[in-house]
């Protein structure tokens, strides 16, 4: 997986070098383990991404879009 694009509150973010299943599991565990929510570290920006932290709760609207590695052209 190249990266996972994230939409949160209308803004684009991303996470690299993670599988979609791992990320979903982290989000589900984080929400279940903390009724007040938890902080998810993501990247914001292109080129030189800046670490950013999103507060996620059971009521958070979040979209995850996996972006696969480009196909090999060998």
N, C-alpha and C. Protein backbone atom coordinates (compact mmCIF):
# COMPACT_ATOMS: atom_id res chain seq x y z
N UNK A 1 0.85 -1.16 0.00
CA UNK A 1 0.00 0.00 0.00
C UNK A 1 0.90 1.23 0.00
N UNK A 2 0.70 2.10 -0.98
CA UNK A 2 1.49 3.32 -1.05
C UNK A 2 1.10 4.27 0.07
N UNK A 3 -0.20 4.53 0.19
CA UNK A 3 -0.69 5.39 1.26
C UNK A 3 -2.19 5.21 1.37
N UNK A 4 -2.75 5.79 2.42
CA UNK A 4 -4.20 5.82 2.59
C UNK A 4 -4.59 7.29 2.68
N UNK A 5 -5.42 7.73 1.76
CA UNK A 5 -5.93 9.09 1.81
C UNK A 5 -7.09 9.13 2.79
N UNK A 6 -7.17 10.22 3.53
CA UNK A 6 -8.18 10.39 4.57
C UNK A 6 -8.88 11.72 4.35
N UNK A 7 -10.20 11.72 4.45
CA UNK A 7 -10.99 12.96 4.45
C UNK A 7 -11.59 13.08 5.84
N UNK A 8 -11.31 14.22 6.48
CA UNK A 8 -11.80 14.47 7.83
C UNK A 8 -12.20 15.93 7.88
N UNK A 9 -13.45 16.18 8.21
CA UNK A 9 -13.97 17.55 8.28
C UNK A 9 -13.71 18.32 6.99
N UNK A 10 -13.82 17.61 5.86
CA UNK A 10 -13.66 18.24 4.55
C UNK A 10 -12.23 18.48 4.12
N UNK A 11 -11.26 18.13 4.95
CA UNK A 11 -9.85 18.36 4.64
C UNK A 11 -9.15 17.05 4.27
N UNK A 12 -8.16 17.12 3.35
CA UNK A 12 -7.42 15.90 2.99
C UNK A 12 -6.21 15.68 3.89
N UNK A 13 -6.02 14.42 4.26
CA UNK A 13 -4.87 13.98 5.05
C UNK A 13 -4.43 12.65 4.46
N UNK A 14 -3.31 12.11 4.95
CA UNK A 14 -2.87 10.80 4.46
C UNK A 14 -2.03 10.10 5.53
N UNK A 15 -1.89 8.80 5.34
CA UNK A 15 -1.02 7.95 6.16
C UNK A 15 -0.27 7.05 5.19
N UNK A 16 1.03 6.96 5.34
CA UNK A 16 1.83 6.10 4.45
C UNK A 16 2.29 4.83 5.13
N UNK A 17 2.62 3.86 4.31
CA UNK A 17 3.22 2.60 4.77
C UNK A 17 2.40 1.86 5.81
N UNK A 18 1.10 1.87 5.65
CA UNK A 18 0.19 1.12 6.54
C UNK A 18 -0.81 0.39 5.66
N UNK A 19 -1.31 -0.72 6.15
CA UNK A 19 -2.38 -1.41 5.43
C UNK A 19 -3.72 -0.83 5.88
N UNK A 20 -4.70 -0.93 5.03
CA UNK A 20 -6.03 -0.44 5.36
C UNK A 20 -6.58 -1.20 6.57
N UNK A 21 -6.37 -2.51 6.62
CA UNK A 21 -6.85 -3.32 7.74
C UNK A 21 -6.22 -2.87 9.06
N UNK A 22 -4.92 -2.59 9.05
CA UNK A 22 -4.23 -2.11 10.26
C UNK A 22 -4.83 -0.79 10.74
N UNK A 23 -5.06 0.12 9.81
CA UNK A 23 -5.58 1.43 10.17
C UNK A 23 -7.01 1.33 10.72
N UNK A 24 -7.84 0.55 10.06
CA UNK A 24 -9.22 0.37 10.55
C UNK A 24 -9.20 -0.24 11.95
N UNK A 25 -8.33 -1.23 12.16
CA UNK A 25 -8.23 -1.86 13.48
C UNK A 25 -7.78 -0.83 14.53
N UNK A 26 -6.80 0.00 14.20
CA UNK A 26 -6.33 1.03 15.15
C UNK A 26 -7.46 2.00 15.50
N UNK A 27 -8.22 2.43 14.49
CA UNK A 27 -9.32 3.36 14.73
C UNK A 27 -10.39 2.71 15.61
N UNK A 28 -10.78 1.49 15.28
CA UNK A 28 -11.81 0.80 16.06
C UNK A 28 -11.36 0.57 17.50
N UNK A 29 -10.10 0.14 17.71
CA UNK A 29 -9.59 -0.07 19.06
C UNK A 29 -9.50 1.25 19.82
N UNK A 30 -9.06 2.31 19.14
CA UNK A 30 -8.93 3.61 19.78
C UNK A 30 -10.26 4.15 20.26
N UNK A 31 -11.28 4.02 19.42
CA UNK A 31 -12.61 4.51 19.80
C UNK A 31 -13.20 3.64 20.91
N UNK A 32 -13.06 2.32 20.81
CA UNK A 32 -13.61 1.42 21.83
C UNK A 32 -12.90 1.60 23.17
N UNK A 33 -11.61 1.90 23.14
CA UNK A 33 -10.84 1.99 24.37
C UNK A 33 -10.91 3.34 25.06
N UNK A 34 -11.48 4.32 24.41
CA UNK A 34 -11.53 5.65 25.00
C UNK A 34 -12.84 6.32 24.61
N UNK A 35 -13.84 6.29 25.49
CA UNK A 35 -15.15 6.86 25.16
C UNK A 35 -15.08 8.32 24.71
N UNK A 36 -14.08 9.06 25.18
CA UNK A 36 -13.93 10.46 24.77
C UNK A 36 -13.20 10.63 23.47
N UNK A 37 -12.78 9.53 22.85
CA UNK A 37 -12.06 9.59 21.59
C UNK A 37 -10.57 9.42 21.78
N UNK A 38 -9.84 9.46 20.68
CA UNK A 38 -8.38 9.32 20.72
C UNK A 38 -7.79 10.13 19.58
N UNK A 39 -6.48 10.31 19.61
CA UNK A 39 -5.77 11.08 18.60
C UNK A 39 -5.11 10.14 17.59
N UNK A 40 -5.38 10.38 16.31
CA UNK A 40 -4.77 9.60 15.23
C UNK A 40 -3.75 10.47 14.53
N UNK A 41 -2.50 10.00 14.45
CA UNK A 41 -1.46 10.77 13.76
C UNK A 41 -1.55 10.53 12.25
N UNK A 42 -1.60 11.60 11.50
CA UNK A 42 -1.70 11.56 10.04
C UNK A 42 -0.73 12.60 9.48
N UNK A 43 -0.66 12.71 8.17
CA UNK A 43 0.13 13.74 7.49
C UNK A 43 -0.81 14.73 6.83
N UNK A 44 -0.40 15.98 6.81
CA UNK A 44 -1.16 17.03 6.13
C UNK A 44 -0.22 17.75 5.19
N UNK A 45 -0.69 17.98 3.98
CA UNK A 45 0.12 18.69 2.99
C UNK A 45 0.77 17.73 2.01
N UNK A 46 1.28 18.30 0.94
CA UNK A 46 1.95 17.51 -0.09
C UNK A 46 3.40 17.94 -0.18
N UNK A 47 4.23 17.08 -0.73
CA UNK A 47 5.65 17.40 -0.85
C UNK A 47 6.35 17.17 0.48
N UNK A 48 6.21 18.09 1.38
CA UNK A 48 6.80 17.99 2.73
C UNK A 48 5.65 17.89 3.72
N UNK A 49 5.12 16.67 3.94
CA UNK A 49 3.98 16.53 4.84
C UNK A 49 4.31 16.94 6.27
N UNK A 50 3.31 17.49 6.93
CA UNK A 50 3.45 17.89 8.33
C UNK A 50 2.66 16.93 9.20
N UNK A 51 3.28 16.39 10.26
CA UNK A 51 2.51 15.53 11.17
C UNK A 51 1.34 16.32 11.76
N UNK A 52 0.18 15.70 11.76
CA UNK A 52 -1.05 16.32 12.24
C UNK A 52 -1.80 15.27 13.04
N UNK A 53 -2.55 15.70 14.03
CA UNK A 53 -3.28 14.77 14.88
C UNK A 53 -4.77 15.07 14.78
N UNK A 54 -5.55 14.02 14.44
CA UNK A 54 -7.01 14.14 14.33
C UNK A 54 -7.64 13.51 15.55
N UNK A 55 -8.59 14.21 16.14
CA UNK A 55 -9.33 13.68 17.28
C UNK A 55 -10.50 12.87 16.73
N UNK A 56 -10.51 11.57 16.98
CA UNK A 56 -11.57 10.69 16.48
C UNK A 56 -12.42 10.19 17.64
N UNK A 57 -13.73 10.22 17.44
CA UNK A 57 -14.69 9.70 18.40
C UNK A 57 -15.65 8.79 17.63
N UNK A 58 -16.57 8.18 18.34
CA UNK A 58 -17.57 7.33 17.69
C UNK A 58 -18.45 8.13 16.73
N UNK A 59 -18.52 9.44 16.91
CA UNK A 59 -19.36 10.28 16.05
C UNK A 59 -18.58 10.91 14.89
N UNK A 60 -17.28 10.66 14.79
CA UNK A 60 -16.46 11.26 13.74
C UNK A 60 -16.83 10.69 12.37
N UNK A 61 -16.92 11.59 11.40
CA UNK A 61 -17.09 11.18 10.01
C UNK A 61 -15.71 11.20 9.37
N UNK A 62 -15.30 10.04 8.87
CA UNK A 62 -13.97 9.92 8.28
C UNK A 62 -14.08 8.99 7.07
N UNK A 63 -13.38 9.34 6.01
CA UNK A 63 -13.35 8.50 4.81
C UNK A 63 -11.92 8.04 4.59
N UNK A 64 -11.73 6.76 4.30
CA UNK A 64 -10.42 6.17 4.04
C UNK A 64 -10.38 5.65 2.61
N UNK A 65 -9.39 6.08 1.84
CA UNK A 65 -9.24 5.63 0.45
C UNK A 65 -7.85 5.05 0.27
N UNK A 66 -7.73 3.72 0.12
CA UNK A 66 -6.41 3.12 -0.11
C UNK A 66 -5.88 3.47 -1.50
N UNK A 67 -4.62 3.89 -1.56
CA UNK A 67 -3.94 4.21 -2.82
C UNK A 67 -2.84 3.17 -3.00
N UNK A 68 -3.02 2.23 -3.93
CA UNK A 68 -2.02 1.16 -4.09
C UNK A 68 -0.76 1.65 -4.79
N UNK A 69 0.29 0.86 -4.64
CA UNK A 69 1.53 1.12 -5.37
C UNK A 69 1.23 1.03 -6.87
N UNK A 70 1.91 1.83 -7.68
CA UNK A 70 1.72 1.70 -9.12
C UNK A 70 2.11 0.32 -9.60
N UNK A 71 1.42 -0.16 -10.61
CA UNK A 71 1.73 -1.48 -11.18
C UNK A 71 3.10 -1.45 -11.82
N UNK A 72 3.84 -2.52 -11.68
CA UNK A 72 5.17 -2.63 -12.27
C UNK A 72 5.05 -2.70 -13.78
N UNK A 73 5.98 -2.05 -14.48
CA UNK A 73 5.96 -2.06 -15.95
C UNK A 73 7.17 -2.81 -16.48
N UNK A 74 7.55 -3.89 -15.79
CA UNK A 74 8.72 -4.68 -16.21
C UNK A 74 8.52 -5.29 -17.55
